[in-house]
Amino acid sequence: MTLVARKGHALATLGARRSYSLHTSLIQIRARAISYVNYSGYKPHPYPLMHLSKILMIKESDLEDLCHVCGLETSIDEAGLKTLPVKQTKFSLPKSGFRSYSLSAIDDVKRYANNVRWRASAIALEAILL
């Protein structure tokens, strides 16, 4: 193996380790946030998963899975929205090897940026035509 090939392999391995570390950290951060919401909420008022998923930049269905892996139950309120009942006592951090979730907000930002560009182009064209 040449020196260049070794360096390339070493960089690829380092990149994979950092990526794994980032995903592991992200899961731990999200799990801790769920823990804080669970322990600090007011018991008669369950926390809406839709709102929490936006804060944590995770899909609502993935957040529900993460809650279950952490030992928390979710429920559906009278309006049909998924919620996290607070003050549950069975919380535990997820085990290593738990699947990682993407940042759902990145897709939203890309869509928003494309929409803004399209609107700006339409406004500029309208200004030229008038």
N, C-alpha and C. Protein backbone atom coordinates (compact mmCIF):
# COMPACT_ATOMS: atom_id res chain seq x y z
N MET A 1 0.85 -1.17 0.00
CA MET A 1 0.00 0.00 0.00
C MET A 1 0.90 1.24 0.00
N THR A 2 0.59 2.19 -0.86
CA THR A 2 1.41 3.40 -0.94
C THR A 2 1.09 4.33 0.22
N LEU A 3 1.95 5.33 0.39
CA LEU A 3 1.77 6.30 1.47
C LEU A 3 0.48 7.10 1.26
N VAL A 4 0.20 7.47 0.01
CA VAL A 4 -1.02 8.23 -0.29
C VAL A 4 -2.26 7.40 0.03
N ALA A 5 -2.23 6.12 -0.34
CA ALA A 5 -3.37 5.25 -0.07
C ALA A 5 -3.57 5.09 1.44
N ARG A 6 -2.48 4.98 2.18
CA ARG A 6 -2.59 4.86 3.64
C ARG A 6 -3.21 6.11 4.25
N LYS A 7 -2.75 7.28 3.77
CA LYS A 7 -3.30 8.54 4.30
C LYS A 7 -4.78 8.65 3.97
N GLY A 8 -5.16 8.26 2.74
CA GLY A 8 -6.56 8.31 2.35
C GLY A 8 -7.41 7.40 3.21
N HIS A 9 -6.89 6.20 3.47
CA HIS A 9 -7.61 5.24 4.32
C HIS A 9 -7.73 5.78 5.74
N ALA A 10 -6.65 6.37 6.24
CA ALA A 10 -6.66 6.93 7.59
C ALA A 10 -7.65 8.07 7.70
N LEU A 11 -7.72 8.92 6.68
CA LEU A 11 -8.67 10.03 6.69
C LEU A 11 -10.11 9.53 6.62
N ALA A 12 -10.34 8.51 5.80
CA ALA A 12 -11.68 7.94 5.70
C ALA A 12 -12.10 7.32 7.03
N THR A 13 -11.19 6.63 7.68
CA THR A 13 -11.48 6.02 8.98
C THR A 13 -11.77 7.10 10.02
N LEU A 14 -10.95 8.17 10.01
CA LEU A 14 -11.15 9.27 10.95
C LEU A 14 -12.50 9.93 10.70
N GLY A 15 -12.86 10.13 9.43
CA GLY A 15 -14.15 10.73 9.09
C GLY A 15 -15.31 9.87 9.56
N ALA A 16 -15.19 8.56 9.39
CA ALA A 16 -16.25 7.65 9.83
C ALA A 16 -16.39 7.69 11.35
N ARG A 17 -15.28 7.75 12.06
CA ARG A 17 -15.32 7.82 13.53
C ARG A 17 -16.00 9.10 13.99
N ARG A 18 -15.63 10.22 13.35
CA ARG A 18 -16.23 11.50 13.73
C ARG A 18 -17.73 11.51 13.44
N SER A 19 -18.11 10.95 12.30
CA SER A 19 -19.52 10.88 11.94
C SER A 19 -20.29 10.05 12.96
N TYR A 20 -19.75 8.90 13.33
CA TYR A 20 -20.39 8.04 14.33
C TYR A 20 -20.49 8.78 15.66
N SER A 21 -19.42 9.48 16.02
CA SER A 21 -19.40 10.22 17.28
C SER A 21 -20.46 11.32 17.27
N LEU A 22 -20.60 12.01 16.13
CA LEU A 22 -21.61 13.06 16.02
C LEU A 22 -23.01 12.49 16.16
N HIS A 23 -23.29 11.38 15.48
CA HIS A 23 -24.62 10.77 15.57
C HIS A 23 -24.89 10.29 16.99
N THR A 24 -23.90 9.70 17.64
CA THR A 24 -24.06 9.24 19.01
C THR A 24 -24.33 10.43 19.93
N SER A 25 -23.60 11.51 19.74
CA SER A 25 -23.80 12.70 20.56
C SER A 25 -25.18 13.29 20.33
N LEU A 26 -25.62 13.32 19.09
CA LEU A 26 -26.93 13.86 18.75
C LEU A 26 -28.05 13.07 19.42
N ILE A 27 -27.93 11.76 19.41
CA ILE A 27 -28.92 10.91 20.07
C ILE A 27 -28.93 11.20 21.57
N GLN A 28 -27.74 11.30 22.17
CA GLN A 28 -27.64 11.55 23.60
C GLN A 28 -28.24 12.92 23.95
N ILE A 29 -27.98 13.92 23.13
CA ILE A 29 -28.51 15.26 23.38
C ILE A 29 -30.03 15.25 23.30
N ARG A 30 -30.56 14.59 22.27
CA ARG A 30 -32.01 14.52 22.11
C ARG A 30 -32.64 13.75 23.27
N ALA A 31 -32.01 12.67 23.69
CA ALA A 31 -32.53 11.87 24.81
C ALA A 31 -32.53 12.69 26.09
N ARG A 32 -31.48 13.45 26.31
CA ARG A 32 -31.42 14.30 27.51
C ARG A 32 -32.51 15.38 27.47
N ALA A 33 -32.74 15.95 26.29
CA ALA A 33 -33.80 16.95 26.15
C ALA A 33 -35.16 16.34 26.47
N ILE A 34 -35.40 15.13 25.98
CA ILE A 34 -36.65 14.43 26.29
C ILE A 34 -36.76 14.21 27.80
N SER A 35 -35.63 13.86 28.42
CA SER A 35 -35.60 13.65 29.86
C SER A 35 -35.97 14.93 30.61
N TYR A 36 -35.42 16.06 30.18
CA TYR A 36 -35.71 17.34 30.85
C TYR A 36 -37.19 17.71 30.71
N VAL A 37 -37.74 17.50 29.51
CA VAL A 37 -39.16 17.78 29.30
C VAL A 37 -40.00 16.86 30.19
N ASN A 38 -39.63 15.60 30.24
CA ASN A 38 -40.37 14.63 31.05
C ASN A 38 -40.35 15.02 32.53
N TYR A 39 -39.21 15.37 33.07
CA TYR A 39 -39.10 15.65 34.49
C TYR A 39 -39.58 17.04 34.88
N SER A 40 -39.57 17.99 33.95
CA SER A 40 -39.90 19.36 34.32
C SER A 40 -41.33 19.77 33.97
N GLY A 41 -42.04 18.96 33.21
CA GLY A 41 -43.40 19.32 32.80
C GLY A 41 -44.41 19.25 33.94
N TYR A 42 -45.54 19.87 33.69
CA TYR A 42 -46.65 19.86 34.64
C TYR A 42 -47.54 18.67 34.32
N LYS A 43 -47.72 17.77 35.27
CA LYS A 43 -48.32 16.46 35.01
C LYS A 43 -49.66 16.48 34.25
N PRO A 44 -50.60 17.37 34.59
CA PRO A 44 -51.87 17.33 33.85
C PRO A 44 -51.76 17.79 32.39
N HIS A 45 -50.59 18.32 32.00
CA HIS A 45 -50.43 18.84 30.64
C HIS A 45 -49.34 18.07 29.89
N PRO A 46 -49.72 17.05 29.13
CA PRO A 46 -48.72 16.33 28.33
C PRO A 46 -48.11 17.24 27.27
N TYR A 47 -46.87 16.95 26.91
CA TYR A 47 -46.14 17.80 25.97
C TYR A 47 -46.39 17.30 24.53
N PRO A 48 -46.77 18.19 23.61
CA PRO A 48 -47.04 17.77 22.23
C PRO A 48 -45.76 17.33 21.51
N LEU A 49 -45.79 16.14 20.93
CA LEU A 49 -44.61 15.63 20.21
C LEU A 49 -44.29 16.48 18.99
N MET A 50 -45.31 17.04 18.35
CA MET A 50 -45.07 17.86 17.17
C MET A 50 -44.16 19.05 17.52
N HIS A 51 -44.44 19.69 18.64
CA HIS A 51 -43.63 20.84 19.06
C HIS A 51 -42.22 20.39 19.44
N LEU A 52 -42.12 19.32 20.17
CA LEU A 52 -40.82 18.81 20.59
C LEU A 52 -39.99 18.35 19.39
N SER A 53 -40.65 17.78 18.38
CA SER A 53 -39.92 17.33 17.19
C SER A 53 -39.33 18.51 16.42
N LYS A 54 -40.04 19.63 16.42
CA LYS A 54 -39.50 20.83 15.75
C LYS A 54 -38.30 21.38 16.51
N ILE A 55 -38.38 21.37 17.83
CA ILE A 55 -37.27 21.87 18.65
C ILE A 55 -36.03 21.00 18.46
N LEU A 56 -36.22 19.69 18.45
CA LEU A 56 -35.10 18.75 18.37
C LEU A 56 -34.71 18.42 16.93
N MET A 57 -35.41 19.00 15.95
CA MET A 57 -35.12 18.78 14.53
C MET A 57 -35.10 17.30 14.19
N ILE A 58 -36.21 16.65 14.49
CA ILE A 58 -36.36 15.22 14.25
C ILE A 58 -37.80 14.98 13.81
N LYS A 59 -38.01 14.00 12.98
CA LYS A 59 -39.37 13.69 12.55
C LYS A 59 -40.18 13.21 13.75
N GLU A 60 -41.46 13.51 13.74
CA GLU A 60 -42.32 13.15 14.86
C GLU A 60 -42.36 11.65 15.10
N SER A 61 -42.40 10.87 14.02
CA SER A 61 -42.43 9.41 14.18
C SER A 61 -41.11 8.89 14.76
N ASP A 62 -39.98 9.50 14.36
CA ASP A 62 -38.68 9.11 14.91
C ASP A 62 -38.57 9.51 16.38
N LEU A 63 -39.15 10.67 16.71
CA LEU A 63 -39.15 11.11 18.11
C LEU A 63 -39.97 10.15 18.97
N GLU A 64 -41.08 9.70 18.44
CA GLU A 64 -41.91 8.74 19.18
C GLU A 64 -41.13 7.44 19.43
N ASP A 65 -40.40 6.97 18.40
CA ASP A 65 -39.56 5.78 18.56
C ASP A 65 -38.50 6.00 19.63
N LEU A 66 -37.86 7.19 19.60
CA LEU A 66 -36.82 7.50 20.57
C LEU A 66 -37.39 7.53 21.99
N CYS A 67 -38.59 8.09 22.14
CA CYS A 67 -39.24 8.10 23.46
C CYS A 67 -39.45 6.67 23.96
N HIS A 68 -39.90 5.79 23.07
CA HIS A 68 -40.14 4.39 23.47
C HIS A 68 -38.84 3.69 23.84
N VAL A 69 -37.77 3.97 23.08
CA VAL A 69 -36.48 3.36 23.40
C VAL A 69 -35.97 3.86 24.76
N CYS A 70 -36.31 5.09 25.09
CA CYS A 70 -35.91 5.66 26.38
C CYS A 70 -36.83 5.19 27.52
N GLY A 71 -37.82 4.36 27.21
CA GLY A 71 -38.70 3.83 28.24
C GLY A 71 -39.91 4.68 28.53
N LEU A 72 -40.18 5.68 27.69
CA LEU A 72 -41.32 6.56 27.92
C LEU A 72 -42.48 6.18 27.01
N GLU A 73 -43.67 6.33 27.54
CA GLU A 73 -44.87 6.06 26.76
C GLU A 73 -45.35 7.35 26.11
N THR A 74 -45.97 7.23 24.95
CA THR A 74 -46.61 8.36 24.31
C THR A 74 -48.10 8.08 24.24
N SER A 75 -48.88 9.13 24.02
CA SER A 75 -50.32 8.95 23.94
C SER A 75 -50.89 9.90 22.89
N ILE A 76 -52.18 9.78 22.65
CA ILE A 76 -52.87 10.65 21.71
C ILE A 76 -53.93 11.42 22.49
N ASP A 77 -53.94 12.75 22.34
CA ASP A 77 -54.90 13.56 23.09
C ASP A 77 -56.26 13.62 22.40
N GLU A 78 -57.16 14.42 22.95
CA GLU A 78 -58.53 14.50 22.42
C GLU A 78 -58.56 15.03 20.99
N ALA A 79 -57.59 15.87 20.63
CA ALA A 79 -57.53 16.46 19.29
C ALA A 79 -56.87 15.52 18.28
N GLY A 80 -56.38 14.38 18.75
CA GLY A 80 -55.73 13.41 17.86
C GLY A 80 -54.24 13.65 17.68
N LEU A 81 -53.65 14.52 18.50
CA LEU A 81 -52.21 14.80 18.42
C LEU A 81 -51.44 13.89 19.36
N LYS A 82 -50.27 13.47 18.93
CA LYS A 82 -49.42 12.63 19.78
C LYS A 82 -48.78 13.50 20.85
N THR A 83 -48.74 12.98 22.06
CA THR A 83 -48.17 13.73 23.18
C THR A 83 -47.26 12.84 24.02
N LEU A 84 -46.45 13.50 24.82
CA LEU A 84 -45.58 12.83 25.78
C LEU A 84 -46.10 13.16 27.17
N PRO A 85 -46.76 12.20 27.83
CA PRO A 85 -47.17 12.45 29.21
C PRO A 85 -45.92 12.63 30.07
N VAL A 86 -45.90 13.67 30.89
CA VAL A 86 -44.70 13.99 31.67
C VAL A 86 -44.74 13.32 33.04
N LYS A 87 -43.62 13.42 33.73
CA LYS A 87 -43.43 12.84 35.07
C LYS A 87 -43.43 11.32 35.06
N GLN A 88 -43.02 10.71 33.94
CA GLN A 88 -42.88 9.26 33.88
C GLN A 88 -41.57 8.87 34.58
N THR A 89 -41.57 7.77 35.26
CA THR A 89 -40.40 7.40 36.07
C THR A 89 -39.48 6.38 35.41
N LYS A 90 -39.84 5.84 34.26
CA LYS A 90 -39.05 4.76 33.66
C LYS A 90 -38.06 5.25 32.61
N PHE A 91 -37.62 6.49 32.66
CA PHE A 91 -36.69 7.00 31.65
C PHE A 91 -35.31 6.38 31.81
N SER A 92 -34.69 6.05 30.67
CA SER A 92 -33.29 5.62 30.65
C SER A 92 -32.69 6.04 29.31
N LEU A 93 -31.41 6.37 29.33
CA LEU A 93 -30.75 6.77 28.08
C LEU A 93 -30.68 5.57 27.14
N PRO A 94 -30.76 5.81 25.83
CA PRO A 94 -30.71 4.69 24.87
C PRO A 94 -29.36 4.01 24.89
N LYS A 95 -29.37 2.73 24.61
CA LYS A 95 -28.13 1.95 24.55
C LYS A 95 -27.34 2.33 23.31
N SER A 96 -26.03 2.07 23.33
CA SER A 96 -25.21 2.34 22.15
C SER A 96 -25.65 1.42 21.03
N GLY A 97 -25.46 1.86 19.82
CA GLY A 97 -25.88 1.08 18.68
C GLY A 97 -27.30 1.40 18.24
N PHE A 98 -27.96 2.30 18.96
CA PHE A 98 -29.31 2.71 18.59
C PHE A 98 -29.24 3.48 17.28
N ARG A 99 -30.22 3.27 16.39
CA ARG A 99 -30.14 3.89 15.08
C ARG A 99 -30.19 5.40 15.19
N SER A 100 -29.47 6.06 14.30
CA SER A 100 -29.43 7.51 14.33
C SER A 100 -30.52 8.08 13.46
N TYR A 101 -30.88 9.30 13.74
CA TYR A 101 -31.91 9.98 12.98
C TYR A 101 -31.30 11.21 12.32
N SER A 102 -31.79 11.51 11.14
CA SER A 102 -31.26 12.67 10.43
C SER A 102 -31.84 13.95 11.01
N LEU A 103 -31.27 15.05 10.59
CA LEU A 103 -31.80 16.35 10.98
C LEU A 103 -32.90 16.71 10.00
N SER A 104 -34.13 16.54 10.39
CA SER A 104 -35.24 16.80 9.48
C SER A 104 -35.31 18.26 9.09
N ALA A 105 -34.78 19.14 9.92
CA ALA A 105 -34.84 20.57 9.62
C ALA A 105 -33.99 20.94 8.41
N ILE A 106 -32.97 20.15 8.11
CA ILE A 106 -32.13 20.45 6.96
C ILE A 106 -32.96 20.40 5.69
N ASP A 107 -33.83 19.39 5.56
CA ASP A 107 -34.71 19.31 4.40
C ASP A 107 -35.66 20.50 4.35
N ASP A 108 -36.17 20.91 5.52
CA ASP A 108 -37.07 22.06 5.57
C ASP A 108 -36.35 23.34 5.15
N VAL A 109 -35.11 23.51 5.59
CA VAL A 109 -34.33 24.69 5.22
C VAL A 109 -34.07 24.72 3.73
N LYS A 110 -33.74 23.57 3.14
CA LYS A 110 -33.51 23.51 1.69
C LYS A 110 -34.77 23.90 0.93
N ARG A 111 -35.92 23.35 1.35
CA ARG A 111 -37.18 23.68 0.68
C ARG A 111 -37.49 25.16 0.83
N TYR A 112 -37.26 25.72 2.01
CA TYR A 112 -37.53 27.13 2.27
C TYR A 112 -36.62 28.00 1.39
N ALA A 113 -35.34 27.64 1.32
CA ALA A 113 -34.39 28.42 0.51
C ALA A 113 -34.79 28.40 -0.96
N ASN A 114 -35.20 27.26 -1.48
CA ASN A 114 -35.64 27.18 -2.87
C ASN A 114 -36.90 28.01 -3.09
N ASN A 115 -37.81 27.99 -2.13
CA ASN A 115 -39.04 28.76 -2.23
C ASN A 115 -38.74 30.26 -2.22
N VAL A 116 -37.81 30.69 -1.35
CA VAL A 116 -37.43 32.10 -1.27
C VAL A 116 -36.79 32.55 -2.58
N ARG A 117 -35.91 31.71 -3.14
CA ARG A 117 -35.28 32.06 -4.42
C ARG A 117 -36.33 32.21 -5.51
N TRP A 118 -37.30 31.29 -5.54
CA TRP A 118 -38.34 31.35 -6.56
C TRP A 118 -39.17 32.62 -6.40
N ARG A 119 -39.53 32.97 -5.17
CA ARG A 119 -40.31 34.19 -4.93
C ARG A 119 -39.53 35.43 -5.32
N ALA A 120 -38.24 35.48 -4.97
CA ALA A 120 -37.41 36.63 -5.32
C ALA A 120 -37.33 36.79 -6.83
N SER A 121 -37.20 35.69 -7.54
CA SER A 121 -37.15 35.73 -9.00
C SER A 121 -38.48 36.23 -9.56
N ALA A 122 -39.58 35.77 -9.00
CA ALA A 122 -40.90 36.19 -9.46
C ALA A 122 -41.12 37.68 -9.21
N ILE A 123 -40.68 38.16 -8.06
CA ILE A 123 -40.83 39.60 -7.73
C ILE A 123 -39.98 40.44 -8.66
N ALA A 124 -38.75 40.00 -8.92
CA ALA A 124 -37.88 40.75 -9.83
C ALA A 124 -38.46 40.79 -11.24
N LEU A 125 -38.98 39.67 -11.71
CA LEU A 125 -39.60 39.62 -13.03
C LEU A 125 -40.82 40.52 -13.09
N GLU A 126 -41.61 40.53 -12.05
CA GLU A 126 -42.80 41.39 -12.01
C GLU A 126 -42.40 42.85 -12.05
N ALA A 127 -41.33 43.21 -11.34
CA ALA A 127 -40.85 44.60 -11.33
C ALA A 127 -40.37 45.03 -12.71
N ILE A 128 -39.74 44.12 -13.42
CA ILE A 128 -39.25 44.42 -14.77
C ILE A 128 -40.43 44.62 -15.73
N LEU A 129 -41.42 43.77 -15.60
CA LEU A 129 -42.57 43.84 -16.49
C LEU A 129 -43.46 45.04 -16.24
N LEU A 130 -43.46 45.56 -15.04
CA LEU A 130 -44.32 46.72 -14.73
C LEU A 130 -43.57 47.94 -15.03
